[in-house]
PDB file of N, CA and C in Angstrom:
ATOM      1  N   MET A   1       0.852  -1.288   0.029  1.00  0.00           N
ATOM      2  CA  MET A   1      -0.043   0.064  -0.047  1.00  0.00           C
ATOM      3  C   MET A   1       0.857   1.301  -0.080  1.00  0.00           C
ATOM      4  N   GLY A   2       2.101   1.028   0.488  1.00  0.00           N
ATOM      5  CA  GLY A   2       3.096   2.251   0.600  1.00  0.00           C
ATOM      6  C   GLY A   2       3.780   2.602  -0.820  1.00  0.00           C
ATOM      7  N   SER A   3       3.219   2.147  -1.879  1.00  0.00           N
ATOM      8  CA  SER A   3       4.083   2.393  -3.039  1.00  0.00           C
ATOM      9  C   SER A   3       4.126   3.986  -3.331  1.00  0.00           C
ATOM     10  N   THR A   4       5.369   4.396  -3.710  1.00  0.00           N
ATOM     11  CA  THR A   4       5.574   5.681  -3.855  1.00  0.00           C
ATOM     12  C   THR A   4       5.184   5.993  -5.328  1.00  0.00           C
ATOM     13  N   ARG A   5       5.092   5.391  -6.325  1.00  0.00           N
ATOM     14  CA  ARG A   5       4.531   5.685  -7.596  1.00  0.00           C
ATOM     15  C   ARG A   5       3.110   5.490  -7.693  1.00  0.00           C
ATOM     16  N   PHE A   6       2.494   4.700  -7.041  1.00  0.00           N
ATOM     17  CA  PHE A   6       1.004   4.534  -7.151  1.00  0.00           C
ATOM     18  C   PHE A   6       0.540   3.995  -5.770  1.00  0.00           C
ATOM     19  N   PRO A   7       0.416   5.009  -4.844  1.00  0.00           N
ATOM     20  CA  PRO A   7      -0.093   4.734  -3.506  1.00  0.00           C
ATOM     21  C   PRO A   7      -1.448   4.044  -3.639  1.00  0.00           C
ATOM     22  N   GLY A   8      -1.753   2.944  -2.780  1.00  0.00           N
ATOM     23  CA  GLY A   8      -3.001   2.208  -2.678  1.00  0.00           C
ATOM     24  C   GLY A   8      -3.347   1.393  -3.963  1.00  0.00           C
ATOM     25  N   LYS A   9      -2.543   0.936  -4.780  1.00  0.00           N
ATOM     26  CA  LYS A   9      -2.439   0.131  -6.056  1.00  0.00           C
ATOM     27  C   LYS A   9      -3.413  -0.824  -5.746  1.00  0.00           C
ATOM     28  N   PRO A  10      -3.098  -1.916  -4.667  1.00  0.00           N
ATOM     29  CA  PRO A  10      -3.887  -3.074  -4.663  1.00  0.00           C
ATOM     30  C   PRO A  10      -5.359  -2.856  -4.456  1.00  0.00           C
ATOM     31  N   LEU A  11      -5.866  -1.667  -3.992  1.00  0.00           N
ATOM     32  CA  LEU A  11      -7.149  -1.538  -3.754  1.00  0.00           C
ATOM     33  C   LEU A  11      -7.882  -0.389  -4.886  1.00  0.00           C
ATOM     34  N   CYS A  12      -7.119  -0.163  -5.785  1.00  0.00           N
ATOM     35  CA  CYS A  12      -7.480   0.520  -6.874  1.00  0.00           C
ATOM     36  C   CYS A  12      -8.622   0.015  -7.607  1.00  0.00           C
ATOM     37  N   ASP A  13      -9.676   0.822  -8.007  1.00  0.00           N
ATOM     38  CA  ASP A  13     -10.819   0.179  -8.481  1.00  0.00           C
ATOM     39  C   ASP A  13     -10.675  -0.018 -10.085  1.00  0.00           C
ATOM     40  N   ILE A  14     -10.989  -1.147 -10.609  1.00  0.00           N
ATOM     41  CA  ILE A  14     -10.769  -1.339 -11.981  1.00  0.00           C
ATOM     42  C   ILE A  14     -12.184  -2.269 -12.414  1.00  0.00           C
ATOM     43  N   LEU A  15     -13.169  -1.532 -13.114  1.00  0.00           N
ATOM     44  CA  LEU A  15     -14.296  -1.932 -13.561  1.00  0.00           C
ATOM     45  C   LEU A  15     -15.160  -2.744 -12.409  1.00  0.00           C
ATOM     46  N   GLY A  16     -15.079  -1.911 -11.247  1.00  0.00           N
ATOM     47  CA  GLY A  16     -15.965  -2.283 -10.305  1.00  0.00           C
ATOM     48  C   GLY A  16     -15.528  -3.320  -9.206  1.00  0.00           C
ATOM     49  N   LYS A  17     -13.965  -3.747  -9.416  1.00  0.00           N
ATOM     50  CA  LYS A  17     -13.335  -4.563  -8.674  1.00  0.00           C
ATOM     51  C   LYS A  17     -12.210  -3.981  -8.167  1.00  0.00           C
ATOM     52  N   THR A  18     -11.513  -4.268  -7.159  1.00  0.00           N
ATOM     53  CA  THR A  18     -10.088  -3.888  -6.754  1.00  0.00           C
ATOM     54  C   THR A  18      -9.267  -4.680  -7.543  1.00  0.00           C
ATOM     55  N   MET A  19      -7.970  -3.998  -7.772  1.00  0.00           N
ATOM     56  CA  MET A  19      -6.937  -4.664  -8.469  1.00  0.00           C
ATOM     57  C   MET A  19      -6.733  -6.064  -7.695  1.00  0.00           C
ATOM     58  N   ILE A  20      -6.609  -6.147  -6.427  1.00  0.00           N
ATOM     59  CA  ILE A  20      -6.389  -7.455  -5.730  1.00  0.00           C
ATOM     60  C   ILE A  20      -7.212  -8.435  -6.048  1.00  0.00           C
ATOM     61  N   GLU A  21      -8.510  -8.050  -6.088  1.00  0.00           N
ATOM     62  CA  GLU A  21      -9.670  -9.132  -6.415  1.00  0.00           C
ATOM     63  C   GLU A  21      -9.367  -9.408  -7.856  1.00  0.00           C
ATOM     64  N   HIS A  22      -9.050  -8.792  -8.869  1.00  0.00           N
ATOM     65  CA  HIS A  22      -8.795  -9.280 -10.184  1.00  0.00           C
ATOM     66  C   HIS A  22      -7.806 -10.278 -10.352  1.00  0.00           C
ATOM     67  N   CYS A  23      -6.721  -9.940  -9.348  1.00  0.00           N
ATOM     68  CA  CYS A  23      -5.479 -10.773  -9.522  1.00  0.00           C
ATOM     69  C   CYS A  23      -5.899 -12.177  -8.902  1.00  0.00           C
ATOM     70  N   TYR A  24      -6.576 -11.989  -7.727  1.00  0.00           N
ATOM     71  CA  TYR A  24      -6.871 -13.292  -6.972  1.00  0.00           C
ATOM     72  C   TYR A  24      -7.870 -14.248  -7.816  1.00  0.00           C
ATOM     73  N   LYS A  25      -8.826 -13.528  -8.439  1.00  0.00           N
ATOM     74  CA  LYS A  25      -9.857 -14.300  -9.289  1.00  0.00           C
ATOM     75  C   LYS A  25      -9.170 -14.889 -10.349  1.00  0.00           C
ATOM     76  N   ARG A  26      -8.166 -14.282 -10.978  1.00  0.00           N
ATOM     77  CA  ARG A  26      -7.444 -14.943 -12.188  1.00  0.00           C
ATOM     78  C   ARG A  26      -6.654 -15.975 -11.743  1.00  0.00           C
ATOM     79  N   CYS A  27      -6.102 -15.857 -10.614  1.00  0.00           N
ATOM     80  CA  CYS A  27      -5.143 -16.832  -9.931  1.00  0.00           C
ATOM     81  C   CYS A  27      -5.983 -18.095  -9.579  1.00  0.00           C
ATOM     82  N   SER A  28      -7.356 -17.875  -9.266  1.00  0.00           N
ATOM     83  CA  SER A  28      -8.167 -19.113  -8.845  1.00  0.00           C
ATOM     84  C   SER A  28      -8.650 -19.754  -9.972  1.00  0.00           C
ATOM     85  N   LEU A  29      -8.380 -19.334 -11.130  1.00  0.00           N
ATOM     86  CA  LEU A  29      -8.913 -20.067 -12.335  1.00  0.00           C
ATOM     87  C   LEU A  29      -7.797 -21.186 -12.800  1.00  0.00           C
ATOM     88  N   SER A  30      -6.635 -20.924 -12.085  1.00  0.00           N
ATOM     89  CA  SER A  30      -5.406 -22.146 -12.577  1.00  0.00           C
ATOM     90  C   SER A  30      -6.016 -23.452 -12.143  1.00  0.00           C
ATOM     91  N   LYS A  31      -5.880 -24.434 -13.078  1.00  0.00           N
ATOM     92  CA  LYS A  31      -6.203 -25.778 -12.797  1.00  0.00           C
ATOM     93  C   LYS A  31      -5.224 -26.513 -12.126  1.00  0.00           C
ATOM     94  N   TYR A  32      -4.035 -25.978 -11.609  1.00  0.00           N
ATOM     95  CA  TYR A  32      -2.970 -26.410 -10.982  1.00  0.00           C
ATOM     96  C   TYR A  32      -3.150 -26.343  -9.396  1.00  0.00           C
ATOM     97  N   LYS A  33      -3.842 -25.108  -9.213  1.00  0.00           N
ATOM     98  CA  LYS A  33      -3.656 -24.531  -7.747  1.00  0.00           C
ATOM     99  C   LYS A  33      -4.522 -25.358  -6.686  1.00  0.00           C
ATOM    100  N   THR A  34      -4.036 -25.651  -5.518  1.00  0.00           N
ATOM    101  CA  THR A  34      -5.035 -26.354  -4.644  1.00  0.00           C
ATOM    102  C   THR A  34      -5.442 -25.443  -3.552  1.00  0.00           C
ATOM    103  N   ASP A  35      -4.592 -24.329  -3.155  1.00  0.00           N
ATOM    104  CA  ASP A  35      -4.930 -23.439  -2.204  1.00  0.00           C
ATOM    105  C   ASP A  35      -4.483 -22.049  -2.725  1.00  0.00           C
ATOM    106  N   LEU A  36      -5.153 -21.012  -2.419  1.00  0.00           N
ATOM    107  CA  LEU A  36      -4.753 -19.629  -2.661  1.00  0.00           C
ATOM    108  C   LEU A  36      -4.755 -18.590  -1.645  1.00  0.00           C
ATOM    109  N   PHE A  37      -3.732 -17.841  -1.282  1.00  0.00           N
ATOM    110  CA  PHE A  37      -3.758 -16.889  -0.251  1.00  0.00           C
ATOM    111  C   PHE A  37      -3.012 -15.544  -0.638  1.00  0.00           C
ATOM    112  N   VAL A  38      -3.580 -14.444   0.042  1.00  0.00           N
ATOM    113  CA  VAL A  38      -2.912 -13.431  -0.007  1.00  0.00           C
ATOM    114  C   VAL A  38      -2.125 -13.231   1.070  1.00  0.00           C
ATOM    115  N   ALA A  39      -0.830 -12.796   1.093  1.00  0.00           N
ATOM    116  CA  ALA A  39      -0.091 -12.425   2.352  1.00  0.00           C
ATOM    117  C   ALA A  39       0.091 -11.061   2.335  1.00  0.00           C
ATOM    118  N   THR A  40      -0.294 -10.596   3.491  1.00  0.00           N
ATOM    119  CA  THR A  40      -0.409  -9.073   3.465  1.00  0.00           C
ATOM    120  C   THR A  40      -0.022  -8.858   5.240  1.00  0.00           C
ATOM    121  N   CYS A  41       0.301  -7.348   5.438  1.00  0.00           N
ATOM    122  CA  CYS A  41       0.333  -7.115   6.868  1.00  0.00           C
ATOM    123  C   CYS A  41      -0.781  -5.741   7.001  1.00  0.00           C
ATOM    124  N   ASP A  42      -1.373  -5.539   5.868  1.00  0.00           N
ATOM    125  CA  ASP A  42      -2.310  -4.411   5.890  1.00  0.00           C
ATOM    126  C   ASP A  42      -3.719  -4.808   6.129  1.00  0.00           C
ATOM    127  N   LYS A  43      -4.179  -4.221   7.214  1.00  0.00           N
ATOM    128  CA  LYS A  43      -5.648  -4.688   7.632  1.00  0.00           C
ATOM    129  C   LYS A  43      -6.844  -4.189   6.398  1.00  0.00           C
ATOM    130  N   GLU A  44      -6.638  -3.131   5.800  1.00  0.00           N
ATOM    131  CA  GLU A  44      -7.415  -2.736   4.646  1.00  0.00           C
ATOM    132  C   GLU A  44      -7.576  -3.934   3.553  1.00  0.00           C
ATOM    133  N   ILE A  45      -6.255  -4.441   3.177  1.00  0.00           N
ATOM    134  CA  ILE A  45      -6.039  -5.510   2.244  1.00  0.00           C
ATOM    135  C   ILE A  45      -7.052  -6.596   2.651  1.00  0.00           C
ATOM    136  N   GLN A  46      -6.630  -7.015   4.005  1.00  0.00           N
ATOM    137  CA  GLN A  46      -7.249  -8.040   4.719  1.00  0.00           C
ATOM    138  C   GLN A  46      -8.863  -7.947   4.460  1.00  0.00           C
ATOM    139  N   ASP A  47      -9.205  -6.989   4.891  1.00  0.00           N
ATOM    140  CA  ASP A  47     -10.887  -6.624   4.840  1.00  0.00           C
ATOM    141  C   ASP A  47     -11.459  -6.935   3.487  1.00  0.00           C
ATOM    142  N   VAL A  48     -10.694  -6.316   2.430  1.00  0.00           N
ATOM    143  CA  VAL A  48     -11.118  -6.479   1.169  1.00  0.00           C
ATOM    144  C   VAL A  48     -11.008  -7.843   0.725  1.00  0.00           C
ATOM    145  N   VAL A  49      -9.948  -8.444   0.990  1.00  0.00           N
ATOM    146  CA  VAL A  49      -9.826 -10.090   0.598  1.00  0.00           C
ATOM    147  C   VAL A  49     -10.886 -10.759   1.202  1.00  0.00           C
ATOM    148  N   VAL A  50     -11.085 -10.680   2.457  1.00  0.00           N
ATOM    149  CA  VAL A  50     -12.042 -11.556   3.094  1.00  0.00           C
ATOM    150  C   VAL A  50     -13.510 -11.179   2.673  1.00  0.00           C
ATOM    151  N   GLY A  51     -13.673  -9.833   2.440  1.00  0.00           N
ATOM    152  CA  GLY A  51     -14.978  -9.405   1.900  1.00  0.00           C
ATOM    153  C   GLY A  51     -15.501  -9.972   0.532  1.00  0.00           C
ATOM    154  N   PHE A  52     -14.649 -10.426  -0.316  1.00  0.00           N
ATOM    155  CA  PHE A  52     -14.787 -11.260  -1.410  1.00  0.00           C
ATOM    156  C   PHE A  52     -14.669 -12.741  -1.467  1.00  0.00           C
ATOM    157  N   GLY A  53     -14.286 -13.105  -0.204  1.00  0.00           N
ATOM    158  CA  GLY A  53     -14.370 -14.561  -0.156  1.00  0.00           C
ATOM    159  C   GLY A  53     -13.022 -15.253  -0.236  1.00  0.00           C
ATOM    160  N   GLY A  54     -11.893 -14.373   0.000  1.00  0.00           N
ATOM    161  CA  GLY A  54     -10.509 -14.675  -0.278  1.00  0.00           C
ATOM    162  C   GLY A  54      -9.946 -15.197   1.048  1.00  0.00           C
ATOM    163  N   ASN A  55      -8.586 -15.685   0.908  1.00  0.00           N
ATOM    164  CA  ASN A  55      -7.962 -16.343   2.313  1.00  0.00           C
ATOM    165  C   ASN A  55      -6.829 -15.304   2.222  1.00  0.00           C
ATOM    166  N   VAL A  56      -6.641 -14.948   3.676  1.00  0.00           N
ATOM    167  CA  VAL A  56      -5.501 -14.128   3.709  1.00  0.00           C
ATOM    168  C   VAL A  56      -4.588 -14.356   4.896  1.00  0.00           C
ATOM    169  N   ILE A  57      -3.272 -14.455   4.690  1.00  0.00           N
ATOM    170  CA  ILE A  57      -2.463 -14.858   5.924  1.00  0.00           C
ATOM    171  C   ILE A  57      -1.752 -13.405   6.265  1.00  0.00           C
ATOM    172  N   MET A  58      -2.046 -12.935   7.531  1.00  0.00           N
ATOM    173  CA  MET A  58      -1.411 -11.748   8.034  1.00  0.00           C
ATOM    174  C   MET A  58      -0.081 -12.034   8.558  1.00  0.00           C
ATOM    175  N   THR A  59       0.877 -11.068   7.810  1.00  0.00           N
ATOM    176  CA  THR A  59       2.332 -11.025   8.215  1.00  0.00           C
ATOM    177  C   THR A  59       2.831 -10.043   9.076  1.00  0.00           C
ATOM    178  N   ASN A  60       3.946 -10.097   9.533  1.00  0.00           N
ATOM    179  CA  ASN A  60       4.834  -9.036  10.249  1.00  0.00           C
ATOM    180  C   ASN A  60       4.692  -7.880   9.595  1.00  0.00           C
ATOM    181  N   PRO A  61       4.390  -6.611  10.037  1.00  0.00           N
ATOM    182  CA  PRO A  61       4.331  -5.461   9.309  1.00  0.00           C
ATOM    183  C   PRO A  61       5.807  -4.755   9.154  1.00  0.00           C
ATOM    184  N   ASN A  62       6.849  -5.430   9.936  1.00  0.00           N
ATOM    185  CA  ASN A  62       8.203  -5.058   9.834  1.00  0.00           C
ATOM    186  C   ASN A  62       8.817  -5.555   8.772  1.00  0.00           C
ATOM    187  N   ILE A  63       8.184  -6.570   8.001  1.00  0.00           N
ATOM    188  CA  ILE A  63       8.746  -7.118   6.863  1.00  0.00           C
ATOM    189  C   ILE A  63       8.583  -6.303   5.647  1.00  0.00           C
ATOM    190  N   GLN A  64       9.803  -5.936   5.056  1.00  0.00           N
ATOM    191  CA  GLN A  64       9.720  -5.034   3.907  1.00  0.00           C
ATOM    192  C   GLN A  64       9.805  -5.889   2.355  1.00  0.00           C
ATOM    193  N   ARG A  65      10.460  -6.876   2.391  1.00  0.00           N
ATOM    194  CA  ARG A  65      10.973  -7.588   1.128  1.00  0.00           C
ATOM    195  C   ARG A  65       9.761  -8.675   1.012  1.00  0.00           C
ATOM    196  N   PRO A  66       9.238  -8.710  -0.386  1.00  0.00           N
ATOM    197  CA  PRO A  66       8.165  -9.644  -0.700  1.00  0.00           C
ATOM    198  C   PRO A  66       8.455 -11.078  -0.298  1.00  0.00           C
ATOM    199  N   GLY A  67       9.750 -11.429  -0.720  1.00  0.00           N
ATOM    200  CA  GLY A  67      10.259 -12.814  -0.575  1.00  0.00           C
ATOM    201  C   GLY A  67      10.165 -13.396   0.837  1.00  0.00           C
ATOM    202  N   LEU A  68      10.513 -12.394   1.750  1.00  0.00           N
ATOM    203  CA  LEU A  68      10.493 -12.769   3.101  1.00  0.00           C
ATOM    204  C   LEU A  68       9.129 -12.921   3.844  1.00  0.00           C
ATOM    205  N   ARG A  69       8.193 -11.960   3.230  1.00  0.00           N
ATOM    206  CA  ARG A  69       6.668 -12.141   3.479  1.00  0.00           C
ATOM    207  C   ARG A  69       6.025 -13.475   3.195  1.00  0.00           C
ATOM    208  N   VAL A  70       6.561 -13.736   1.862  1.00  0.00           N
ATOM    209  CA  VAL A  70       6.042 -15.072   1.291  1.00  0.00           C
ATOM    210  C   VAL A  70       6.657 -16.266   2.276  1.00  0.00           C
ATOM    211  N   ALA A  71       7.920 -16.054   2.752  1.00  0.00           N
ATOM    212  CA  ALA A  71       8.606 -17.157   3.466  1.00  0.00           C
ATOM    213  C   ALA A  71       7.731 -17.349   4.777  1.00  0.00           C
ATOM    214  N   GLU A  72       7.375 -16.050   5.402  1.00  0.00           N
ATOM    215  CA  GLU A  72       6.708 -16.021   6.696  1.00  0.00           C
ATOM    216  C   GLU A  72       5.359 -16.876   6.353  1.00  0.00           C
ATOM    217  N   ALA A  73       4.461 -16.378   5.557  1.00  0.00           N
ATOM    218  CA  ALA A  73       3.446 -17.007   5.051  1.00  0.00           C
ATOM    219  C   ALA A  73       3.517 -18.586   4.859  1.00  0.00           C
ATOM    220  N   ALA A  74       4.533 -18.880   4.159  1.00  0.00           N
ATOM    221  CA  ALA A  74       4.632 -20.487   4.057  1.00  0.00           C
ATOM    222  C   ALA A  74       4.904 -21.200   5.342  1.00  0.00           C
ATOM    223  N   GLU A  75       5.648 -20.537   6.091  1.00  0.00           N
ATOM    224  CA  GLU A  75       5.778 -20.924   7.446  1.00  0.00           C
ATOM    225  C   GLU A  75       4.521 -21.276   8.212  1.00  0.00           C
ATOM    226  N   THR A  76       3.695 -20.047   8.249  1.00  0.00           N
ATOM    227  CA  THR A  76       2.575 -20.159   8.875  1.00  0.00           C
ATOM    228  C   THR A  76       1.427 -21.329   8.398  1.00  0.00           C
ATOM    229  N   LEU A  77       1.631 -21.571   7.222  1.00  0.00           N
ATOM    230  CA  LEU A  77       0.908 -22.843   6.516  1.00  0.00           C
ATOM    231  C   LEU A  77       1.682 -24.025   6.808  1.00  0.00           C
ATOM    232  N   ASN A  78       2.774 -24.140   7.315  1.00  0.00           N
ATOM    233  CA  ASN A  78       3.370 -25.358   7.520  1.00  0.00           C
ATOM    234  C   ASN A  78       3.574 -26.340   6.543  1.00  0.00           C
ATOM    235  N   LEU A  79       4.043 -25.745   5.379  1.00  0.00           N
ATOM    236  CA  LEU A  79       4.054 -26.491   4.090  1.00  0.00           C
ATOM    237  C   LEU A  79       5.026 -27.646   3.955  1.00  0.00           C
ATOM    238  N   ASP A  80       4.527 -28.486   3.251  1.00  0.00           N
ATOM    239  CA  ASP A  80       5.560 -29.830   3.026  1.00  0.00           C
ATOM    240  C   ASP A  80       6.724 -29.380   2.128  1.00  0.00           C
ATOM    241  N   ASP A  81       7.776 -30.021   2.249  1.00  0.00           N
ATOM    242  CA  ASP A  81       8.899 -29.640   1.511  1.00  0.00           C
ATOM    243  C   ASP A  81       8.668 -29.813  -0.013  1.00  0.00           C
ATOM    244  N   ASN A  82       7.855 -30.750  -0.561  1.00  0.00           N
ATOM    245  CA  ASN A  82       7.301 -30.981  -1.836  1.00  0.00           C
ATOM    246  C   ASN A  82       6.285 -30.011  -2.183  1.00  0.00           C
ATOM    247  N   ASP A  83       5.569 -29.065  -1.497  1.00  0.00           N
ATOM    248  CA  ASP A  83       4.733 -28.056  -1.924  1.00  0.00           C
ATOM    249  C   ASP A  83       5.234 -27.121  -2.787  1.00  0.00           C
ATOM    250  N   ILE A  84       4.612 -26.480  -3.623  1.00  0.00           N
ATOM    251  CA  ILE A  84       5.045 -25.327  -4.586  1.00  0.00           C
ATOM    252  C   ILE A  84       4.283 -24.007  -4.314  1.00  0.00           C
ATOM    253  N   VAL A  85       5.201 -23.026  -4.282  1.00  0.00           N
ATOM    254  CA  VAL A  85       4.369 -21.810  -4.036  1.00  0.00           C
ATOM    255  C   VAL A  85       4.819 -20.888  -5.211  1.00  0.00           C
ATOM    256  N   VAL A  86       3.642 -20.353  -5.586  1.00  0.00           N
ATOM    257  CA  VAL A  86       3.867 -19.443  -6.941  1.00  0.00           C
ATOM    258  C   VAL A  86       3.395 -18.003  -6.270  1.00  0.00           C
ATOM    259  N   VAL A  87       4.473 -17.080  -6.597  1.00  0.00           N
ATOM    260  CA  VAL A  87       4.391 -15.724  -6.083  1.00  0.00           C
ATOM    261  C   VAL A  87       3.766 -14.852  -7.234  1.00  0.00           C
ATOM    262  N   VAL A  88       2.582 -14.198  -7.022  1.00  0.00           N
ATOM    263  CA  VAL A  88       2.305 -13.127  -7.895  1.00  0.00           C
ATOM    264  C   VAL A  88       2.301 -11.761  -7.199  1.00  0.00           C
ATOM    265  N   GLN A  89       3.105 -10.814  -7.829  1.00  0.00           N
ATOM    266  CA  GLN A  89       3.103  -9.476  -7.502  1.00  0.00           C
ATOM    267  C   GLN A  89       2.486  -8.474  -8.056  1.00  0.00           C
TER     268      GLN A  89
END
């Protein structure tokens, strides 16, 4: 949410849905996915994702790097060594 070039980008309205909802819905169409989560530290994003029926993992707000946020979310999910995580940013 703190983007300097486009503040609030994940919640930007595009044809009646937020950008994050469009991304989530597109990812949900994959025939290979078994679970789908949004990893965020932002309460506003959490509320929006839960509002459209998505799954959210809240992460530490002090984490700035996306890869570390994904690692924390994966740890929270207690993933198996053979699980595959696809990151969409």
